[in-house]
Protein backbone atom coordinates (compact mmCIF):
# COMPACT_ATOMS: atom_id res chain seq x y z
CA VAL A 1 -110.00 107.38 -26.63
CA GLY A 2 -110.55 108.10 -22.97
CA GLU A 3 -107.96 109.23 -20.51
CA THR A 4 -105.48 106.65 -19.34
CA GLY A 5 -104.20 106.38 -15.85
CA LEU A 6 -101.28 104.56 -14.32
CA GLY A 7 -100.76 101.05 -15.69
CA GLY A 8 -102.33 101.89 -19.12
CA ARG A 9 -106.03 101.47 -18.08
CA ASP A 10 -108.81 103.71 -19.36
CA VAL A 11 -110.10 105.76 -16.48
CA THR A 12 -113.68 105.91 -17.76
CA THR A 13 -114.17 102.34 -18.97
CA GLY A 14 -111.61 100.59 -16.81
CA SER A 15 -110.35 98.38 -19.71
CA PHE A 16 -106.93 98.18 -21.33
CA PRO A 17 -106.54 99.74 -24.76
CA SER A 18 -105.93 97.60 -27.85
CA TRP A 19 -102.25 98.46 -28.13
CA PHE A 20 -101.72 97.08 -24.61
CA HIS A 21 -102.91 93.57 -25.55
CA GLU A 22 -100.63 93.49 -28.58
CA THR A 23 -97.54 94.17 -26.53
CA GLN A 24 -98.30 91.68 -23.71
CA ASP A 25 -97.46 88.00 -24.30
CA LEU A 26 -99.75 85.96 -22.08
CA THR A 27 -99.25 82.50 -23.57
CA PRO A 28 -99.90 79.63 -21.15
CA HIS A 29 -96.35 78.30 -21.32
CA ARG A 30 -95.01 81.67 -20.20
CA GLN A 31 -97.02 82.52 -17.15
CA PRO A 32 -95.77 85.29 -14.97
CA SER A 33 -93.53 84.02 -12.17
CA LYS A 34 -94.77 84.32 -8.65
CA MET A 35 -93.01 86.87 -6.53
CA VAL A 36 -91.08 85.35 -3.63
CA ASN A 37 -89.96 87.51 -0.79
CA LYS A 38 -86.30 86.66 -0.22
CA LYS A 39 -84.55 87.53 2.94
CA PRO A 40 -81.92 90.09 2.38
CA THR A 41 -78.48 88.51 2.43
CA LYS A 42 -75.72 90.12 4.34
CA LYS A 43 -72.83 91.04 2.18
CA LYS A 44 -69.54 89.62 3.29
CA VAL A 45 -67.03 92.24 3.99
CA ALA A 46 -63.95 91.21 2.09
CA GLY A 47 -60.71 91.60 3.99
CA LYS A 48 -57.69 93.33 2.72
CA LYS A 49 -56.03 91.42 -0.07
CA VAL A 50 -52.41 90.57 0.64
CA ALA A 51 -50.00 90.67 -2.21
CA ALA A 52 -48.67 87.31 -3.38
CA ALA A 53 -45.40 86.29 -1.81
CA PRO A 54 -42.44 86.53 -4.12
CA LEU A 55 -40.54 83.37 -5.13
CA ALA A 56 -38.52 81.86 -2.29
CA VAL A 57 -35.01 83.14 -2.48
CA LYS A 58 -32.42 80.47 -1.61
CA LYS A 59 -30.03 81.49 1.09
CA VAL A 60 -26.47 81.49 -0.04
CA GLU A 61 -24.56 79.13 2.28
CA VAL A 62 -21.15 80.33 3.21
CA LYS A 63 -18.65 77.50 2.68
CA LYS A 64 -16.40 76.86 5.63
CA VAL A 65 -12.74 77.08 4.83
CA VAL A 66 -11.21 73.68 5.70
CA ASN A 67 -7.53 73.49 6.37
CA PRO A 68 -6.16 70.38 4.59
CA LEU A 69 -3.43 70.03 7.19
CA PHE A 70 -5.93 69.04 9.88
CA GLU A 71 -8.00 65.88 9.43
CA LYS A 72 -11.28 65.25 11.21
CA ARG A 73 -10.93 62.08 13.26
CA THR A 74 -13.82 60.37 15.01
CA LYS A 75 -13.18 59.47 18.63
CA ASN A 76 -12.60 55.87 19.62
CA TYR A 77 -13.31 55.03 23.25
CA GLY A 78 -11.66 51.60 23.21
CA ILE A 79 -8.85 50.51 25.51
CA GLY A 80 -5.84 52.75 25.11
CA GLN A 81 -7.64 55.14 22.76
CA ASN A 82 -9.33 58.49 23.46
CA VAL A 83 -9.98 59.65 27.02
CA GLN A 84 -13.44 58.46 27.99
CA PRO A 85 -16.07 60.90 29.28
CA LYS A 86 -16.56 61.25 33.02
CA ARG A 87 -19.17 58.93 34.49
CA ASP A 88 -20.31 57.53 37.82
CA LEU A 89 -17.78 54.82 38.73
CA SER A 90 -19.40 53.75 42.01
CA ARG A 91 -20.57 50.40 40.57
CA PHE A 92 -17.49 49.68 38.46
CA VAL A 93 -14.81 47.14 39.41
CA ARG A 94 -11.13 47.89 38.88
CA TRP A 95 -9.19 45.44 36.72
CA PRO A 96 -6.30 43.60 38.40
CA LYS A 97 -2.89 45.13 37.93
CA TYR A 98 -1.45 42.34 35.78
CA ILE A 99 -4.33 42.69 33.31
CA ARG A 100 -3.82 46.45 33.09
CA ILE A 101 -0.10 45.96 32.50
CA GLN A 102 -0.53 43.43 29.71
CA ARG A 103 -3.17 45.61 28.01
CA HIS A 104 -0.95 48.68 28.22
CA LYS A 105 1.91 46.62 26.82
CA ALA A 106 -0.21 45.45 23.88
CA VAL A 107 -1.25 49.03 23.11
CA LEU A 108 2.35 50.25 23.19
CA GLN A 109 3.49 47.43 20.92
CA LYS A 110 0.86 48.44 18.36
CA ARG A 111 1.66 52.14 18.50
CA LEU A 112 5.43 52.23 18.84
CA LYS A 113 7.99 51.10 16.34
CA ILE A 114 9.51 47.92 17.75
CA PRO A 115 13.27 47.47 17.25
CA PRO A 116 14.32 44.35 15.28
CA PRO A 117 16.11 42.66 18.22
CA ILE A 118 12.83 42.71 20.19
CA ASN A 119 10.54 42.02 17.25
CA GLN A 120 12.31 38.77 16.39
CA PHE A 121 10.78 37.17 19.49
CA SER A 122 7.33 37.50 17.93
CA GLN A 123 8.33 35.05 15.18
CA ALA A 124 8.25 31.68 16.92
CA LEU A 125 8.22 28.14 15.58
CA ASP A 126 4.96 26.91 14.09
CA LYS A 127 2.89 24.31 15.93
CA HIS A 128 4.00 21.26 13.90
CA THR A 129 7.73 22.02 14.18
CA ALA A 130 7.39 22.79 17.90
CA GLN A 131 5.77 19.39 18.51
CA GLN A 132 8.67 17.60 16.81
CA LEU A 133 11.17 19.67 18.82
CA PHE A 134 9.55 18.79 22.15
CA LYS A 135 9.51 15.10 21.24
CA LEU A 136 13.26 15.35 20.80
CA LEU A 137 13.84 17.34 23.99
CA GLU A 138 11.73 14.88 26.04
CA LYS A 139 14.49 12.28 25.60
CA TYR A 140 17.10 14.53 27.21
CA ARG A 141 15.27 15.70 30.29
CA PRO A 142 17.49 16.06 33.37
CA GLU A 143 17.25 13.74 36.35
CA ASN A 144 13.97 13.73 38.22
CA PRO A 145 14.29 15.28 41.74
CA ILE A 146 12.74 12.15 43.29
CA ALA A 147 15.13 9.87 41.38
CA LYS A 148 18.04 12.06 42.44
CA ILE A 149 17.09 11.74 46.13
CA GLN A 150 16.85 7.96 45.78
CA ARG A 151 20.26 7.77 44.04
CA LEU A 152 21.96 9.88 46.70
CA LYS A 153 20.29 7.87 49.46
CA ALA A 154 21.50 4.58 47.96
CA LYS A 155 24.99 6.03 47.58
CA ALA A 156 25.04 7.12 51.25
CA GLU A 157 23.84 3.70 52.44
CA ALA A 158 26.52 1.96 50.39
CA LYS A 159 29.16 4.27 51.78
CA ALA A 160 27.95 3.63 55.35
CA ALA A 161 28.15 -0.12 54.74
CA GLY A 162 31.73 0.21 53.48
CA LYS A 163 30.85 -0.65 49.90
CA GLU A 164 31.67 1.27 46.78
CA ALA A 165 28.65 2.89 45.21
CA PRO A 166 28.12 2.16 41.52
CA PRO A 167 29.32 5.09 39.39
CA ALA A 168 26.57 7.24 37.95
CA LYS A 169 26.08 6.97 34.21
CA LYS A 170 26.73 10.15 32.31
CA THR A 171 23.86 10.88 30.00
CA ASN A 172 23.19 13.63 27.52
CA GLN A 173 20.95 16.08 29.28
CA LEU A 174 19.45 19.50 28.72
CA ARG A 175 21.39 22.42 30.17
CA GLN A 176 19.21 25.20 31.55
CA GLY A 177 19.58 28.80 32.67
CA ALA A 178 20.78 31.89 30.83
CA ASN A 179 24.27 31.98 32.41
CA THR A 180 24.92 28.29 31.71
CA VAL A 181 23.68 28.51 28.13
CA VAL A 182 25.76 31.64 27.40
CA LYS A 183 28.94 29.90 28.62
CA LEU A 184 28.22 26.88 26.44
CA VAL A 185 27.63 29.11 23.41
CA GLU A 186 30.84 31.07 24.01
CA GLN A 187 32.79 27.80 24.31
CA LYS A 188 31.01 26.43 21.21
CA LYS A 189 29.87 23.37 23.14
CA ALA A 190 26.14 23.91 22.57
CA GLN A 191 24.65 22.21 19.52
CA LEU A 192 21.12 23.65 19.77
CA VAL A 193 19.72 26.55 21.79
CA VAL A 194 16.00 26.92 22.49
CA ILE A 195 14.79 30.34 23.71
CA SER A 196 11.39 31.32 25.11
CA HIS A 197 9.53 34.20 23.43
CA ASP A 198 7.88 35.67 26.56
CA VAL A 199 10.79 36.24 28.92
CA ASP A 200 10.17 39.20 31.22
CA PRO A 201 12.26 41.34 31.25
CA ILE A 202 13.31 40.60 27.68
CA GLU A 203 16.81 41.97 28.35
CA LEU A 204 17.71 38.61 29.93
CA VAL A 205 17.86 36.88 26.54
CA ILE A 206 17.72 39.71 23.97
CA TYR A 207 21.42 39.31 23.16
CA LEU A 208 21.33 35.51 22.86
CA PRO A 209 20.17 35.21 19.20
CA ALA A 210 22.93 37.60 18.04
CA LEU A 211 25.50 35.65 20.07
CA CYS A 212 24.36 32.35 18.54
CA ARG A 213 24.61 33.77 15.02
CA LYS A 214 28.09 35.10 15.70
CA MET A 215 29.30 31.75 17.08
CA GLY A 216 27.54 29.76 14.34
CA ILE A 217 25.25 27.81 16.68
CA PRO A 218 21.67 27.01 15.59
CA TYR A 219 18.91 28.43 17.76
CA CYS A 220 15.11 28.68 17.72
CA ILE A 221 12.40 30.62 19.55
CA ILE A 222 9.32 28.86 20.89
CA LYS A 223 6.15 30.10 22.53
CA GLY A 224 5.84 29.64 26.27
CA LYS A 225 8.47 29.77 28.98
CA SER A 226 6.25 27.44 31.02
CA ARG A 227 6.57 24.74 28.33
CA LEU A 228 10.35 24.90 28.65
CA GLY A 229 9.98 24.81 32.42
CA THR A 230 8.15 21.46 32.30
CA LEU A 231 11.17 19.92 30.53
CA VAL A 232 13.51 20.78 33.41
CA TYR A 233 11.00 20.32 36.28
CA ARG A 234 10.49 24.04 36.90
CA LYS A 235 7.62 26.48 36.58
CA THR A 236 9.37 28.54 33.91
CA CYS A 237 12.66 28.53 32.04
CA THR A 238 14.21 31.22 29.84
CA CYS A 239 16.35 28.98 27.61
CA VAL A 240 17.82 25.48 27.33
CA ALA A 241 20.68 24.02 25.33
CA LEU A 242 21.68 20.61 24.00
CA THR A 243 25.38 19.75 24.14
CA GLN A 244 25.28 16.15 22.88
CA VAL A 245 22.65 14.00 21.18
CA ASP A 246 22.42 10.26 20.66
CA ASN A 247 23.50 8.71 17.39
CA SER A 248 19.90 7.67 16.73
CA ASP A 249 18.81 11.31 16.69
CA ARG A 250 21.51 12.51 14.30
CA ALA A 251 19.91 13.04 10.92
């Protein structure tokens, strides 16, 4: 056997020895792969690894100590309620005084405890009963101012002519006015007293229901002093009274 060099070849003959062919597998289905020069890849420099965050710890909420004596009330900016915030009032219009007064009065009536003598004026006759009452009172309206002028004129002409004027017929009429009605109640001459519910000031008639109960005289409260005023030819009237009624109306 000759001398072998690098790679297993014989230096003298230049051929591979027999043991070399036995160790090499040169089957066609396993051909040596071609060498491909790959570009060297740059290694990524890994950053510093951060430790995983621990589980989120829930913050312990401190409960506020609530005093049960004090209740939380939401503000109400309606009429007569909480003081409204300041704003530009240059384009606002001021309400008339009578509207402000009646609104303040309504707020006070809701908030304050109303005494029974005043509260009874809020309980007036119902609509059906009031209609029947006014039908009755229409028959006993006092003399019309125009008719009165004509009667007095005829009486003066008859007196000037030397004739006796015919006597005026006495009719059952409504008596009006607080002073007149109180006198009739005290003398027990009144048979029915009708009082308005919206007299202002209320002190003018606040004592009248108690007086009627004491003297045993029936009374009623109706809505609207102007409705009573139309019966006696006035704008308003606090109260009226009936002293006598016709036999046809006695039932």
